[in-house]
PDB file of all heavy atoms in Angstrom:
ATOM      1  N   HIS A   1      -4.859  -3.303   1.288  1.00  0.00           N
ATOM      2  CA  HIS A   1      -4.558  -4.735   1.293  1.00  0.00           C
ATOM      3  C   HIS A   1      -4.951  -5.441   2.586  1.00  0.00           C
ATOM      4  O   HIS A   1      -4.620  -6.617   2.767  1.00  0.00           O
ATOM      5  CB  HIS A   1      -3.066  -4.947   1.038  1.00  0.00           C
ATOM      6  CG  HIS A   1      -2.653  -4.632  -0.369  1.00  0.00           C
ATOM      7  ND1 HIS A   1      -2.639  -5.577  -1.356  1.00  0.00           N
ATOM      8  CD2 HIS A   1      -2.270  -3.471  -0.940  1.00  0.00           C
ATOM      9  CE1 HIS A   1      -2.251  -5.016  -2.487  1.00  0.00           C
ATOM     10  NE2 HIS A   1      -2.005  -3.737  -2.263  1.00  0.00           N
ATOM     11  N   GLY A   2      -5.622  -4.748   3.493  1.00  0.00           N
ATOM     12  CA  GLY A   2      -6.016  -5.395   4.734  1.00  0.00           C
ATOM     13  C   GLY A   2      -4.831  -5.830   5.566  1.00  0.00           C
ATOM     14  O   GLY A   2      -4.811  -6.910   6.147  1.00  0.00           O
ATOM     15  N   ALA A   3      -3.803  -4.967   5.625  1.00  0.00           N
ATOM     16  CA  ALA A   3      -2.613  -5.264   6.410  1.00  0.00           C
ATOM     17  C   ALA A   3      -2.724  -4.621   7.788  1.00  0.00           C
ATOM     18  O   ALA A   3      -3.699  -3.929   8.101  1.00  0.00           O
ATOM     19  CB  ALA A   3      -1.362  -4.747   5.687  1.00  0.00           C
ATOM     20  N   ILE A   4      -1.719  -4.846   8.631  1.00  0.00           N
ATOM     21  CA  ILE A   4      -1.625  -4.171   9.920  1.00  0.00           C
ATOM     22  C   ILE A   4      -0.675  -2.991   9.751  1.00  0.00           C
ATOM     23  O   ILE A   4       0.449  -3.170   9.289  1.00  0.00           O
ATOM     24  CB  ILE A   4      -1.081  -5.117  11.008  1.00  0.00           C
ATOM     25  CG1 ILE A   4      -2.002  -6.324  11.188  1.00  0.00           C
ATOM     26  CG2 ILE A   4      -0.926  -4.370  12.338  1.00  0.00           C
ATOM     27  CD1 ILE A   4      -1.432  -7.382  12.116  1.00  0.00           C
ATOM     28  N   CYS A   5      -1.134  -1.805  10.084  1.00  0.00           N
ATOM     29  CA  CYS A   5      -0.266  -0.620  10.039  1.00  0.00           C
ATOM     30  C   CYS A   5       0.104  -0.252  11.461  1.00  0.00           C
ATOM     31  O   CYS A   5      -0.773   0.019  12.297  1.00  0.00           O
ATOM     32  CB  CYS A   5      -0.977   0.549   9.354  1.00  0.00           C
ATOM     33  SG  CYS A   5       0.110   1.976   9.091  1.00  0.00           S
ATOM     34  N   TYR A   6       1.402  -0.250  11.740  1.00  0.00           N
ATOM     35  CA  TYR A   6       1.909  -0.008  13.087  1.00  0.00           C
ATOM     36  C   TYR A   6       2.707   1.282  13.117  1.00  0.00           C
ATOM     37  O   TYR A   6       3.775   1.379  12.486  1.00  0.00           O
ATOM     38  CB  TYR A   6       2.782  -1.199  13.521  1.00  0.00           C
ATOM     39  CG  TYR A   6       3.511  -1.028  14.830  1.00  0.00           C
ATOM     40  CD1 TYR A   6       2.865  -0.563  15.966  1.00  0.00           C
ATOM     41  CD2 TYR A   6       4.866  -1.369  14.933  1.00  0.00           C
ATOM     42  CE1 TYR A   6       3.541  -0.432  17.169  1.00  0.00           C
ATOM     43  CE2 TYR A   6       5.545  -1.245  16.134  1.00  0.00           C
ATOM     44  CZ  TYR A   6       4.873  -0.767  17.247  1.00  0.00           C
ATOM     45  OH  TYR A   6       5.542  -0.632  18.439  1.00  0.00           O
ATOM     46  N   LEU A   7       2.193   2.285  13.805  1.00  0.00           N
ATOM     47  CA  LEU A   7       2.864   3.586  13.921  1.00  0.00           C
ATOM     48  C   LEU A   7       3.634   3.616  15.236  1.00  0.00           C
ATOM     49  O   LEU A   7       3.061   3.794  16.312  1.00  0.00           O
ATOM     50  CB  LEU A   7       1.834   4.724  13.874  1.00  0.00           C
ATOM     51  CG  LEU A   7       0.887   4.726  12.663  1.00  0.00           C
ATOM     52  CD1 LEU A   7      -0.069   5.908  12.740  1.00  0.00           C
ATOM     53  CD2 LEU A   7       1.677   4.749  11.360  1.00  0.00           C
ATOM     54  N   ASP A   8       4.940   3.417  15.131  1.00  0.00           N
ATOM     55  CA  ASP A   8       5.806   3.310  16.301  1.00  0.00           C
ATOM     56  C   ASP A   8       6.166   4.700  16.824  1.00  0.00           C
ATOM     57  O   ASP A   8       6.546   5.579  16.054  1.00  0.00           O
ATOM     58  CB  ASP A   8       7.072   2.535  15.911  1.00  0.00           C
ATOM     59  CG  ASP A   8       7.920   2.174  17.106  1.00  0.00           C
ATOM     60  OD1 ASP A   8       7.387   2.118  18.231  1.00  0.00           O
ATOM     61  OD2 ASP A   8       9.118   1.923  16.919  1.00  0.00           O
ATOM     62  N   GLU A   9       6.055   4.886  18.137  1.00  0.00           N
ATOM     63  CA  GLU A   9       6.317   6.187  18.786  1.00  0.00           C
ATOM     64  C   GLU A   9       5.459   7.283  18.170  1.00  0.00           C
ATOM     65  O   GLU A   9       5.963   8.296  17.675  1.00  0.00           O
ATOM     66  CB  GLU A   9       7.814   6.534  18.722  1.00  0.00           C
ATOM     67  CG  GLU A   9       8.707   5.578  19.493  1.00  0.00           C
ATOM     68  CD  GLU A   9       8.416   5.569  20.995  1.00  0.00           C
ATOM     69  OE1 GLU A   9       7.768   6.499  21.502  1.00  0.00           O
ATOM     70  OE2 GLU A   9       8.845   4.599  21.652  1.00  0.00           O
ATOM     71  N   ILE A  10       4.169   7.087  18.233  1.00  0.00           N
ATOM     72  CA  ILE A  10       3.194   7.974  17.600  1.00  0.00           C
ATOM     73  C   ILE A  10       3.302   9.410  18.132  1.00  0.00           C
ATOM     74  O   ILE A  10       3.044  10.367  17.392  1.00  0.00           O
ATOM     75  CB  ILE A  10       1.753   7.435  17.821  1.00  0.00           C
ATOM     76  CG1 ILE A  10       0.703   8.284  17.121  1.00  0.00           C
ATOM     77  CG2 ILE A  10       1.445   7.304  19.312  1.00  0.00           C
ATOM     78  CD1 ILE A  10       0.721   8.184  15.628  1.00  0.00           C
ATOM     79  N   VAL A  11       3.726   9.593  19.373  1.00  0.00           N
ATOM     80  CA  VAL A  11       3.784  10.937  19.942  1.00  0.00           C
ATOM     81  C   VAL A  11       4.881  11.779  19.308  1.00  0.00           C
ATOM     82  O   VAL A  11       4.902  13.013  19.471  1.00  0.00           O
ATOM     83  CB  VAL A  11       3.969  10.920  21.482  1.00  0.00           C
ATOM     84  CG1 VAL A  11       2.771  10.310  22.158  1.00  0.00           C
ATOM     85  CG2 VAL A  11       5.236  10.187  21.861  1.00  0.00           C
ATOM     86  N   GLU A  12       5.812  11.141  18.592  1.00  0.00           N
ATOM     87  CA  GLU A  12       6.870  11.897  17.935  1.00  0.00           C
ATOM     88  C   GLU A  12       6.372  12.582  16.656  1.00  0.00           C
ATOM     89  O   GLU A  12       7.019  13.506  16.161  1.00  0.00           O
ATOM     90  CB  GLU A  12       8.043  10.971  17.577  1.00  0.00           C
ATOM     91  CG  GLU A  12       8.727  10.326  18.768  1.00  0.00           C
ATOM     92  CD  GLU A  12       9.398  11.357  19.670  1.00  0.00           C
ATOM     93  OE1 GLU A  12       9.825  12.415  19.151  1.00  0.00           O
ATOM     94  OE2 GLU A  12       9.487  11.108  20.892  1.00  0.00           O
ATOM     95  N   ALA A  13       5.258  12.125  16.123  1.00  0.00           N
ATOM     96  CA  ALA A  13       4.721  12.720  14.887  1.00  0.00           C
ATOM     97  C   ALA A  13       4.028  14.043  15.193  1.00  0.00           C
ATOM     98  O   ALA A  13       3.573  14.295  16.317  1.00  0.00           O
ATOM     99  CB  ALA A  13       3.752  11.753  14.226  1.00  0.00           C
ATOM    100  N   ARG A  14       3.936  14.889  14.178  1.00  0.00           N
ATOM    101  CA  ARG A  14       3.244  16.172  14.335  1.00  0.00           C
ATOM    102  C   ARG A  14       1.753  15.940  14.595  1.00  0.00           C
ATOM    103  O   ARG A  14       1.163  14.985  14.110  1.00  0.00           O
ATOM    104  CB  ARG A  14       3.419  17.023  13.083  1.00  0.00           C
ATOM    105  CG  ARG A  14       4.862  17.349  12.774  1.00  0.00           C
ATOM    106  CD  ARG A  14       4.993  18.404  11.671  1.00  0.00           C
ATOM    107  NE  ARG A  14       3.986  18.322  10.639  1.00  0.00           N
ATOM    108  CZ  ARG A  14       4.262  18.358   9.325  1.00  0.00           C
ATOM    109  NH1 ARG A  14       5.527  18.410   8.920  1.00  0.00           N
ATOM    110  NH2 ARG A  14       3.306  18.322   8.430  1.00  0.00           N
ATOM    111  N   LYS A  15       1.145  16.854  15.363  1.00  0.00           N
ATOM    112  CA  LYS A  15      -0.268  16.718  15.710  1.00  0.00           C
ATOM    113  C   LYS A  15      -1.156  16.723  14.480  1.00  0.00           C
ATOM    114  O   LYS A  15      -2.148  15.995  14.411  1.00  0.00           O
ATOM    115  CB  LYS A  15      -0.693  17.845  16.652  1.00  0.00           C
ATOM    116  CG  LYS A  15       0.078  17.908  17.964  1.00  0.00           C
ATOM    117  CD  LYS A  15      -0.086  16.663  18.786  1.00  0.00           C
ATOM    118  CE  LYS A  15       0.650  16.771  20.109  1.00  0.00           C
ATOM    119  NZ  LYS A  15       0.613  15.515  20.883  1.00  0.00           N
ATOM    120  N   ASP A  16      -0.819  17.545  13.484  1.00  0.00           N
ATOM    121  CA  ASP A  16      -1.656  17.611  12.287  1.00  0.00           C
ATOM    122  C   ASP A  16      -1.542  16.347  11.460  1.00  0.00           C
ATOM    123  O   ASP A  16      -2.404  16.066  10.616  1.00  0.00           O
ATOM    124  CB  ASP A  16      -1.310  18.838  11.437  1.00  0.00           C
ATOM    125  CG  ASP A  16       0.139  18.816  10.948  1.00  0.00           C
ATOM    126  OD1 ASP A  16       1.005  18.331  11.705  1.00  0.00           O
ATOM    127  OD2 ASP A  16       0.406  19.268   9.836  1.00  0.00           O
ATOM    128  N   THR A  17      -0.498  15.580  11.689  1.00  0.00           N
ATOM    129  CA  THR A  17      -0.325  14.313  10.966  1.00  0.00           C
ATOM    130  C   THR A  17      -1.141  13.202  11.614  1.00  0.00           C
ATOM    131  O   THR A  17      -1.795  12.415  10.935  1.00  0.00           O
ATOM    132  CB  THR A  17       1.158  13.905  10.919  1.00  0.00           C
ATOM    133  OG1 THR A  17       1.910  14.932  10.246  1.00  0.00           O
ATOM    134  CG2 THR A  17       1.345  12.592  10.184  1.00  0.00           C
ATOM    135  N   THR A  18      -1.123  13.158  12.950  1.00  0.00           N
ATOM    136  CA  THR A  18      -1.822  12.072  13.654  1.00  0.00           C
ATOM    137  C   THR A  18      -3.337  12.176  13.499  1.00  0.00           C
ATOM    138  O   THR A  18      -4.041  11.167  13.613  1.00  0.00           O
ATOM    139  CB  THR A  18      -1.464  12.058  15.143  1.00  0.00           C
ATOM    140  OG1 THR A  18      -1.753  13.343  15.709  1.00  0.00           O
ATOM    141  CG2 THR A  18       0.011  11.757  15.341  1.00  0.00           C
ATOM    142  N   VAL A  19      -3.842  13.374  13.199  1.00  0.00           N
ATOM    143  CA  VAL A  19      -5.295  13.540  13.024  1.00  0.00           C
ATOM    144  C   VAL A  19      -5.817  12.680  11.892  1.00  0.00           C
ATOM    145  O   VAL A  19      -6.975  12.246  11.899  1.00  0.00           O
ATOM    146  CB  VAL A  19      -5.636  15.029  12.782  1.00  0.00           C
ATOM    147  CG1 VAL A  19      -7.088  15.196  12.370  1.00  0.00           C
ATOM    148  CG2 VAL A  19      -5.367  15.845  14.052  1.00  0.00           C
ATOM    149  N   VAL A  20      -4.961  12.365  10.918  1.00  0.00           N
ATOM    150  CA  VAL A  20      -5.386  11.618   9.743  1.00  0.00           C
ATOM    151  C   VAL A  20      -5.841  10.199  10.113  1.00  0.00           C
ATOM    152  O   VAL A  20      -6.610   9.582   9.372  1.00  0.00           O
ATOM    153  CB  VAL A  20      -4.268  11.566   8.683  1.00  0.00           C
ATOM    154  CG1 VAL A  20      -3.182  10.574   9.082  1.00  0.00           C
ATOM    155  CG2 VAL A  20      -4.808  11.194   7.313  1.00  0.00           C
ATOM    156  N   ILE A  21      -5.389   9.692  11.278  1.00  0.00           N
ATOM    157  CA  ILE A  21      -5.793   8.328  11.649  1.00  0.00           C
ATOM    158  C   ILE A  21      -7.144   8.281  12.345  1.00  0.00           C
ATOM    159  O   ILE A  21      -7.706   7.186  12.527  1.00  0.00           O
ATOM    160  CB  ILE A  21      -4.738   7.666  12.557  1.00  0.00           C
ATOM    161  CG1 ILE A  21      -4.708   8.328  13.945  1.00  0.00           C
ATOM    162  CG2 ILE A  21      -3.366   7.672  11.904  1.00  0.00           C
ATOM    163  CD1 ILE A  21      -3.786   7.636  14.938  1.00  0.00           C
ATOM    164  N   HIS A  22      -7.705   9.422  12.722  1.00  0.00           N
ATOM    165  CA  HIS A  22      -8.962   9.434  13.475  1.00  0.00           C
ATOM    166  C   HIS A  22     -10.095   8.694  12.776  1.00  0.00           C
ATOM    167  O   HIS A  22     -10.780   7.880  13.413  1.00  0.00           O
ATOM    168  CB  HIS A  22      -9.365  10.870  13.808  1.00  0.00           C
ATOM    169  CG  HIS A  22      -8.572  11.454  14.929  1.00  0.00           C
ATOM    170  ND1 HIS A  22      -8.877  12.677  15.518  1.00  0.00           N
ATOM    171  CD2 HIS A  22      -7.484  10.993  15.595  1.00  0.00           C
ATOM    172  CE1 HIS A  22      -8.004  12.928  16.472  1.00  0.00           C
ATOM    173  NE2 HIS A  22      -7.148  11.922  16.542  1.00  0.00           N
ATOM    174  N   PRO A  23     -10.360   8.923  11.474  1.00  0.00           N
ATOM    175  CA  PRO A  23     -11.464   8.196  10.836  1.00  0.00           C
ATOM    176  C   PRO A  23     -11.234   6.696  10.765  1.00  0.00           C
ATOM    177  O   PRO A  23     -12.193   5.921  10.671  1.00  0.00           O
ATOM    178  CB  PRO A  23     -11.523   8.795   9.425  1.00  0.00           C
ATOM    179  CG  PRO A  23     -10.769  10.070   9.497  1.00  0.00           C
ATOM    180  CD  PRO A  23      -9.737   9.890  10.544  1.00  0.00           C
ATOM    181  N   LEU A  24      -9.946   6.271  10.817  1.00  0.00           N
ATOM    182  CA  LEU A  24      -9.644   4.844  10.780  1.00  0.00           C
ATOM    183  C   LEU A  24      -9.755   4.204  12.161  1.00  0.00           C
ATOM    184  O   LEU A  24      -9.927   2.995  12.265  1.00  0.00           O
ATOM    185  CB  LEU A  24      -8.219   4.621  10.262  1.00  0.00           C
ATOM    186  CG  LEU A  24      -8.003   4.608   8.748  1.00  0.00           C
ATOM    187  CD1 LEU A  24      -6.524   4.540   8.441  1.00  0.00           C
ATOM    188  CD2 LEU A  24      -8.746   3.448   8.104  1.00  0.00           C
ATOM    189  N   ALA A  25      -9.637   5.025  13.200  1.00  0.00           N
ATOM    190  CA  ALA A  25      -9.566   4.504  14.558  1.00  0.00           C
ATOM    191  C   ALA A  25     -10.891   4.520  15.289  1.00  0.00           C
ATOM    192  O   ALA A  25     -10.954   4.241  16.488  1.00  0.00           O
ATOM    193  CB  ALA A  25      -8.521   5.283  15.360  1.00  0.00           C
ATOM    194  N   ASP A  26     -11.976   4.843  14.584  1.00  0.00           N
ATOM    195  CA  ASP A  26     -13.296   4.739  15.212  1.00  0.00           C
ATOM    196  C   ASP A  26     -14.172   3.844  14.347  1.00  0.00           C
ATOM    197  O   ASP A  26     -13.683   3.155  13.438  1.00  0.00           O
ATOM    198  CB  ASP A  26     -13.914   6.121  15.464  1.00  0.00           C
ATOM    199  CG  ASP A  26     -14.043   6.966  14.193  1.00  0.00           C
ATOM    200  OD1 ASP A  26     -14.197   6.385  13.107  1.00  0.00           O
ATOM    201  OD2 ASP A  26     -13.991   8.195  14.295  1.00  0.00           O
ATOM    202  N   ASP A  27     -15.473   3.840  14.589  1.00  0.00           N
ATOM    203  CA  ASP A  27     -16.334   2.877  13.890  1.00  0.00           C
ATOM    204  C   ASP A  27     -16.508   3.166  12.400  1.00  0.00           C
ATOM    205  O   ASP A  27     -17.035   2.339  11.656  1.00  0.00           O
ATOM    206  CB  ASP A  27     -17.706   2.806  14.566  1.00  0.00           C
ATOM    207  CG  ASP A  27     -18.382   4.166  14.670  1.00  0.00           C
ATOM    208  OD1 ASP A  27     -17.811   5.155  14.177  1.00  0.00           O
ATOM    209  OD2 ASP A  27     -19.478   4.225  15.255  1.00  0.00           O
ATOM    210  N   ARG A  28     -16.006   4.323  11.928  1.00  0.00           N
ATOM    211  CA  ARG A  28     -16.075   4.591  10.481  1.00  0.00           C
ATOM    212  C   ARG A  28     -15.095   3.723   9.710  1.00  0.00           C
ATOM    213  O   ARG A  28     -15.398   3.233   8.631  1.00  0.00           O
ATOM    214  CB  ARG A  28     -15.765   6.076  10.207  1.00  0.00           C
ATOM    215  CG  ARG A  28     -16.834   7.029  10.628  1.00  0.00           C
ATOM    216  CD  ARG A  28     -16.360   8.464  10.487  1.00  0.00           C
ATOM    217  NE  ARG A  28     -15.317   8.809  11.477  1.00  0.00           N
ATOM    218  CZ  ARG A  28     -14.689   9.987  11.508  1.00  0.00           C
ATOM    219  NH1 ARG A  28     -14.955  10.908  10.590  1.00  0.00           N
ATOM    220  NH2 ARG A  28     -13.786  10.222  12.448  1.00  0.00           N
ATOM    221  N   ARG A  29     -13.889   3.560  10.245  1.00  0.00           N
ATOM    222  CA  ARG A  29     -12.819   2.782   9.592  1.00  0.00           C
ATOM    223  C   ARG A  29     -12.664   3.205   8.126  1.00  0.00           C
ATOM    224  O   ARG A  29     -12.689   2.378   7.209  1.00  0.00           O
ATOM    225  CB  ARG A  29     -13.098   1.280   9.703  1.00  0.00           C
ATOM    226  CG  ARG A  29     -12.818   0.755  11.113  1.00  0.00           C
ATOM    227  CD  ARG A  29     -13.213  -0.699  11.279  1.00  0.00           C
ATOM    228  NE  ARG A  29     -12.512  -1.592  10.361  1.00  0.00           N
ATOM    229  CZ  ARG A  29     -11.324  -2.135  10.604  1.00  0.00           C
ATOM    230  NH1 ARG A  29     -10.652  -1.820  11.702  1.00  0.00           N
ATOM    231  NH2 ARG A  29     -10.775  -2.971   9.746  1.00  0.00           N
ATOM    232  N   GLU A  30     -12.495   4.498   7.950  1.00  0.00           N
ATOM    233  CA  GLU A  30     -12.349   5.067   6.598  1.00  0.00           C
ATOM    234  C   GLU A  30     -11.075   5.886   6.504  1.00  0.00           C
ATOM    235  O   GLU A  30     -10.635   6.479   7.493  1.00  0.00           O
ATOM    236  CB  GLU A  30     -13.541   5.955   6.259  1.00  0.00           C
ATOM    237  CG  GLU A  30     -14.874   5.239   6.202  1.00  0.00           C
ATOM    238  CD  GLU A  30     -16.036   6.201   6.008  1.00  0.00           C
ATOM    239  OE1 GLU A  30     -15.862   7.403   6.308  1.00  0.00           O
ATOM    240  OE2 GLU A  30     -17.115   5.737   5.600  1.00  0.00           O
ATOM    241  N   LEU A  31     -10.520   5.943   5.315  1.00  0.00           N
ATOM    242  CA  LEU A  31      -9.332   6.753   5.067  1.00  0.00           C
ATOM    243  C   LEU A  31      -9.605   7.674   3.889  1.00  0.00           C
ATOM    244  O   LEU A  31      -9.631   7.241   2.736  1.00  0.00           O
ATOM    245  CB  LEU A  31      -8.128   5.860   4.752  1.00  0.00           C
ATOM    246  CG  LEU A  31      -6.833   6.620   4.419  1.00  0.00           C
ATOM    247  CD1 LEU A  31      -6.339   7.419   5.613  1.00  0.00           C
ATOM    248  CD2 LEU A  31      -5.746   5.664   3.940  1.00  0.00           C
ATOM    249  N   PRO A  32      -9.839   8.970   4.144  1.00  0.00           N
ATOM    250  CA  PRO A  32     -10.030   9.905   3.036  1.00  0.00           C
ATOM    251  C   PRO A  32      -8.682  10.298   2.418  1.00  0.00           C
ATOM    252  O   PRO A  32      -7.739  10.627   3.125  1.00  0.00           O
ATOM    253  CB  PRO A  32     -10.691  11.118   3.720  1.00  0.00           C
ATOM    254  CG  PRO A  32     -10.269  11.039   5.149  1.00  0.00           C
ATOM    255  CD  PRO A  32     -10.027   9.598   5.465  1.00  0.00           C
ATOM    256  N   VAL A  33      -8.582  10.193   1.107  1.00  0.00           N
ATOM    257  CA  VAL A  33      -7.369  10.597   0.389  1.00  0.00           C
ATOM    258  C   VAL A  33      -7.759  11.755  -0.525  1.00  0.00           C
ATOM    259  O   VAL A  33      -8.264  11.550  -1.637  1.00  0.00           O
ATOM    260  CB  VAL A  33      -6.777   9.421  -0.419  1.00  0.00           C
ATOM    261  CG1 VAL A  33      -5.503   9.862  -1.133  1.00  0.00           C
ATOM    262  CG2 VAL A  33      -6.493   8.244   0.488  1.00  0.00           C
ATOM    263  N   GLU A  34      -7.557  12.973  -0.024  1.00  0.00           N
ATOM    264  CA  GLU A  34      -8.027  14.162  -0.730  1.00  0.00           C
ATOM    265  C   GLU A  34      -7.365  14.334  -2.092  1.00  0.00           C
ATOM    266  O   GLU A  34      -8.002  14.782  -3.052  1.00  0.00           O
ATOM    267  CB  GLU A  34      -7.786  15.399   0.146  1.00  0.00           C
ATOM    268  CG  GLU A  34      -8.594  15.394   1.447  1.00  0.00           C
ATOM    269  CD  GLU A  34      -8.319  16.616   2.292  1.00  0.00           C
ATOM    270  OE1 GLU A  34      -7.531  17.501   1.838  1.00  0.00           O
ATOM    271  OE2 GLU A  34      -8.887  16.720   3.391  1.00  0.00           O
ATOM    272  N   LYS A  35      -6.083  13.982  -2.192  1.00  0.00           N
ATOM    273  CA  LYS A  35      -5.378  14.173  -3.459  1.00  0.00           C
ATOM    274  C   LYS A  35      -5.940  13.300  -4.573  1.00  0.00           C
ATOM    275  O   LYS A  35      -5.806  13.631  -5.755  1.00  0.00           O
ATOM    276  CB  LYS A  35      -3.886  13.907  -3.291  1.00  0.00           C
ATOM    277  CG  LYS A  35      -3.184  14.928  -2.410  1.00  0.00           C
ATOM    278  CD  LYS A  35      -1.698  14.614  -2.253  1.00  0.00           C
ATOM    279  CE  LYS A  35      -0.999  15.657  -1.395  1.00  0.00           C
ATOM    280  NZ  LYS A  35       0.448  15.343  -1.209  1.00  0.00           N
ATOM    281  N   LEU A  36      -6.546  12.196  -4.197  1.00  0.00           N
ATOM    282  CA  LEU A  36      -7.174  11.311  -5.187  1.00  0.00           C
ATOM    283  C   LEU A  36      -8.675  11.537  -5.276  1.00  0.00           C
ATOM    284  O   LEU A  36      -9.326  11.037  -6.199  1.00  0.00           O
ATOM    285  CB  LEU A  36      -6.914   9.826  -4.835  1.00  0.00           C
ATOM    286  CG  LEU A  36      -5.479   9.329  -4.908  1.00  0.00           C
ATOM    287  CD1 LEU A  36      -5.418   7.866  -4.463  1.00  0.00           C
ATOM    288  CD2 LEU A  36      -4.934   9.457  -6.335  1.00  0.00           C
ATOM    289  N   GLY A  37      -9.208  12.255  -4.300  1.00  0.00           N
ATOM    290  CA  GLY A  37     -10.656  12.460  -4.269  1.00  0.00           C
ATOM    291  C   GLY A  37     -11.394  11.170  -3.955  1.00  0.00           C
ATOM    292  O   GLY A  37     -12.514  10.959  -4.435  1.00  0.00           O
ATOM    293  N   LEU A  38     -10.761  10.308  -3.141  1.00  0.00           N
ATOM    294  CA  LEU A  38     -11.332   8.998  -2.850  1.00  0.00           C
ATOM    295  C   LEU A  38     -11.451   8.786  -1.339  1.00  0.00           C
ATOM    296  O   LEU A  38     -10.730   9.389  -0.542  1.00  0.00           O
ATOM    297  CB  LEU A  38     -10.477   7.875  -3.445  1.00  0.00           C
ATOM    298  CG  LEU A  38     -10.379   7.827  -4.974  1.00  0.00           C
ATOM    299  CD1 LEU A  38      -9.369   6.752  -5.390  1.00  0.00           C
ATOM    300  CD2 LEU A  38     -11.738   7.555  -5.601  1.00  0.00           C
TER     301      LEU A  38
END
């Protein structure tokens, strides 16, 4: 929906969880959803 997603206190999350934001936080700006295959 083109919203703002704000992850508060990001360091409290598990390392394997924060990795999921990497494709969104660089010039790719993509979110892979493996369970949907999208």
